[in-house]
């Protein structure tokens, strides 16, 4: 069964984010992103919810900064793109 296009887009964004974290050796955040990516890829809405919760708190995903400036710019772009997709999905789910 094919994934809903927005779910597929979020899964792809999360995969890109995971690839970046893997390349930077950030195993902690890689594990968290991989978990939600697998949930999202299985069309499990809990993955969207868990991803959005990763931004909570002072040490959340939104506060993550990578040491390499170029990698950090890519992190910001990928994190924001994934968050926008996840928020859109959450809003649509809440409207149902």
C-alpha atoms as a PDB file:
ATOM      1  CA  UNK A   1       0.000   0.000   0.000  1.00  0.00           C
ATOM      2  CA  UNK A   2       1.354   3.413  -0.965  1.00  0.00           C
ATOM      3  CA  UNK A   3       1.825   6.012   1.720  1.00  0.00           C
ATOM      4  CA  UNK A   4      -0.256   9.178   1.741  1.00  0.00           C
ATOM      5  CA  UNK A   5       1.883  11.801  -0.050  1.00  0.00           C
ATOM      6  CA  UNK A   6       2.286  13.989   3.058  1.00  0.00           C
ATOM      7  CA  UNK A   7       3.252  10.975   5.184  1.00  0.00           C
ATOM      8  CA  UNK A   8       5.760   9.917   2.530  1.00  0.00           C
ATOM      9  CA  UNK A   9       7.173  13.457   2.426  1.00  0.00           C
ATOM     10  CA  UNK A  10       7.586  13.533   6.211  1.00  0.00           C
ATOM     11  CA  UNK A  11       9.222  10.103   6.213  1.00  0.00           C
ATOM     12  CA  UNK A  12      11.661  11.319   3.537  1.00  0.00           C
ATOM     13  CA  UNK A  13      12.461  14.480   5.513  1.00  0.00           C
ATOM     14  CA  UNK A  14      13.070  12.403   8.635  1.00  0.00           C
ATOM     15  CA  UNK A  15      15.353  10.091   6.662  1.00  0.00           C
ATOM     16  CA  UNK A  16      17.353  13.100   5.436  1.00  0.00           C
ATOM     17  CA  UNK A  17      17.575  14.380   8.998  1.00  0.00           C
ATOM     18  CA  UNK A  18      18.694  10.958  10.244  1.00  0.00           C
ATOM     19  CA  UNK A  19      21.336  10.750   7.520  1.00  0.00           C
ATOM     20  CA  UNK A  20      22.735  14.119   8.587  1.00  0.00           C
ATOM     21  CA  UNK A  21      22.824  13.133  12.261  1.00  0.00           C
ATOM     22  CA  UNK A  22      24.460   9.819  11.365  1.00  0.00           C
ATOM     23  CA  UNK A  23      27.145  11.631   9.362  1.00  0.00           C
ATOM     24  CA  UNK A  24      27.777  13.946  12.317  1.00  0.00           C
ATOM     25  CA  UNK A  25      28.002  11.039  14.763  1.00  0.00           C
ATOM     26  CA  UNK A  26      25.078  12.204  16.914  1.00  0.00           C
ATOM     27  CA  UNK A  27      23.807   8.816  18.042  1.00  0.00           C
ATOM     28  CA  UNK A  28      21.386  10.144  20.663  1.00  0.00           C
ATOM     29  CA  UNK A  29      19.301  12.231  18.278  1.00  0.00           C
ATOM     30  CA  UNK A  30      19.779   9.733  15.470  1.00  0.00           C
ATOM     31  CA  UNK A  31      18.094   7.054  17.575  1.00  0.00           C
ATOM     32  CA  UNK A  32      15.166   9.316  18.376  1.00  0.00           C
ATOM     33  CA  UNK A  33      14.676  10.422  14.780  1.00  0.00           C
ATOM     34  CA  UNK A  34      14.999   6.861  13.476  1.00  0.00           C
ATOM     35  CA  UNK A  35      12.283   5.714  15.869  1.00  0.00           C
ATOM     36  CA  UNK A  36       9.793   8.347  14.740  1.00  0.00           C
ATOM     37  CA  UNK A  37      10.783   7.816  11.098  1.00  0.00           C
ATOM     38  CA  UNK A  38       9.907   4.123  11.365  1.00  0.00           C
ATOM     39  CA  UNK A  39       6.574   4.938  13.000  1.00  0.00           C
ATOM     40  CA  UNK A  40       5.731   7.525  10.339  1.00  0.00           C
ATOM     41  CA  UNK A  41       6.776   5.172   7.520  1.00  0.00           C
ATOM     42  CA  UNK A  42       4.360   2.598   8.985  1.00  0.00           C
ATOM     43  CA  UNK A  43       1.554   5.213   8.827  1.00  0.00           C
ATOM     44  CA  UNK A  44       1.465   5.308  12.621  1.00  0.00           C
ATOM     45  CA  UNK A  45       0.337   8.769  13.717  1.00  0.00           C
ATOM     46  CA  UNK A  46       2.169   8.286  17.017  1.00  0.00           C
ATOM     47  CA  UNK A  47       5.343   9.000  15.030  1.00  0.00           C
ATOM     48  CA  UNK A  48       4.098  12.480  14.158  1.00  0.00           C
ATOM     49  CA  UNK A  49       3.153  13.143  17.772  1.00  0.00           C
ATOM     50  CA  UNK A  50       6.481  11.847  19.080  1.00  0.00           C
ATOM     51  CA  UNK A  51       8.407  13.929  16.566  1.00  0.00           C
ATOM     52  CA  UNK A  52       6.622  17.109  17.627  1.00  0.00           C
ATOM     53  CA  UNK A  53       7.276  16.286  21.298  1.00  0.00           C
ATOM     54  CA  UNK A  54      11.017  16.143  20.537  1.00  0.00           C
ATOM     55  CA  UNK A  55      10.900  19.954  20.322  1.00  0.00           C
ATOM     56  CA  UNK A  56       9.673  20.370  23.892  1.00  0.00           C
ATOM     57  CA  UNK A  57      11.943  21.657  26.620  1.00  0.00           C
ATOM     58  CA  UNK A  58      15.163  23.603  26.665  1.00  0.00           C
ATOM     59  CA  UNK A  59      17.187  20.629  25.450  1.00  0.00           C
ATOM     60  CA  UNK A  60      14.773  19.596  22.735  1.00  0.00           C
ATOM     61  CA  UNK A  61      15.482  19.069  19.073  1.00  0.00           C
ATOM     62  CA  UNK A  62      14.970  22.763  18.385  1.00  0.00           C
ATOM     63  CA  UNK A  63      17.956  23.586  20.599  1.00  0.00           C
ATOM     64  CA  UNK A  64      20.301  21.099  18.928  1.00  0.00           C
ATOM     65  CA  UNK A  65      23.360  22.774  17.396  1.00  0.00           C
ATOM     66  CA  UNK A  66      25.986  20.899  15.399  1.00  0.00           C
ATOM     67  CA  UNK A  67      29.646  21.909  15.599  1.00  0.00           C
ATOM     68  CA  UNK A  68      30.141  22.046  11.835  1.00  0.00           C
ATOM     69  CA  UNK A  69      28.617  25.287  10.481  1.00  0.00           C
ATOM     70  CA  UNK A  70      27.604  23.780   7.139  1.00  0.00           C
ATOM     71  CA  UNK A  71      26.045  20.734   8.792  1.00  0.00           C
ATOM     72  CA  UNK A  72      24.263  23.004  11.267  1.00  0.00           C
ATOM     73  CA  UNK A  73      22.679  24.985   8.402  1.00  0.00           C
ATOM     74  CA  UNK A  74      21.463  21.724   6.851  1.00  0.00           C
ATOM     75  CA  UNK A  75      20.149  20.636  10.260  1.00  0.00           C
ATOM     76  CA  UNK A  76      18.130  23.833  10.616  1.00  0.00           C
ATOM     77  CA  UNK A  77      16.664  23.461   7.112  1.00  0.00           C
ATOM     78  CA  UNK A  78      15.799  19.771   7.476  1.00  0.00           C
ATOM     79  CA  UNK A  79      14.465  20.129  11.007  1.00  0.00           C
ATOM     80  CA  UNK A  80      12.211  23.025   9.975  1.00  0.00           C
ATOM     81  CA  UNK A  81      10.943  21.255   6.853  1.00  0.00           C
ATOM     82  CA  UNK A  82      10.078  18.128   8.857  1.00  0.00           C
ATOM     83  CA  UNK A  83       8.437  20.154  11.600  1.00  0.00           C
ATOM     84  CA  UNK A  84       6.233  22.032   9.123  1.00  0.00           C
ATOM     85  CA  UNK A  85       5.066  18.747   7.580  1.00  0.00           C
ATOM     86  CA  UNK A  86       4.438  17.185  10.997  1.00  0.00           C
ATOM     87  CA  UNK A  87       2.489  20.211  12.231  1.00  0.00           C
ATOM     88  CA  UNK A  88       0.368  20.175   9.071  1.00  0.00           C
ATOM     89  CA  UNK A  89      -0.387  16.474   9.564  1.00  0.00           C
ATOM     90  CA  UNK A  90      -1.204  17.025  13.237  1.00  0.00           C
ATOM     91  CA  UNK A  91      -3.561  19.850  12.325  1.00  0.00           C
ATOM     92  CA  UNK A  92      -5.295  17.697   9.709  1.00  0.00           C
ATOM     93  CA  UNK A  93      -5.589  14.805  12.164  1.00  0.00           C
ATOM     94  CA  UNK A  94      -7.142  17.111  14.747  1.00  0.00           C
ATOM     95  CA  UNK A  95      -9.667  18.380  12.201  1.00  0.00           C
ATOM     96  CA  UNK A  96     -11.015  14.876  11.527  1.00  0.00           C
END
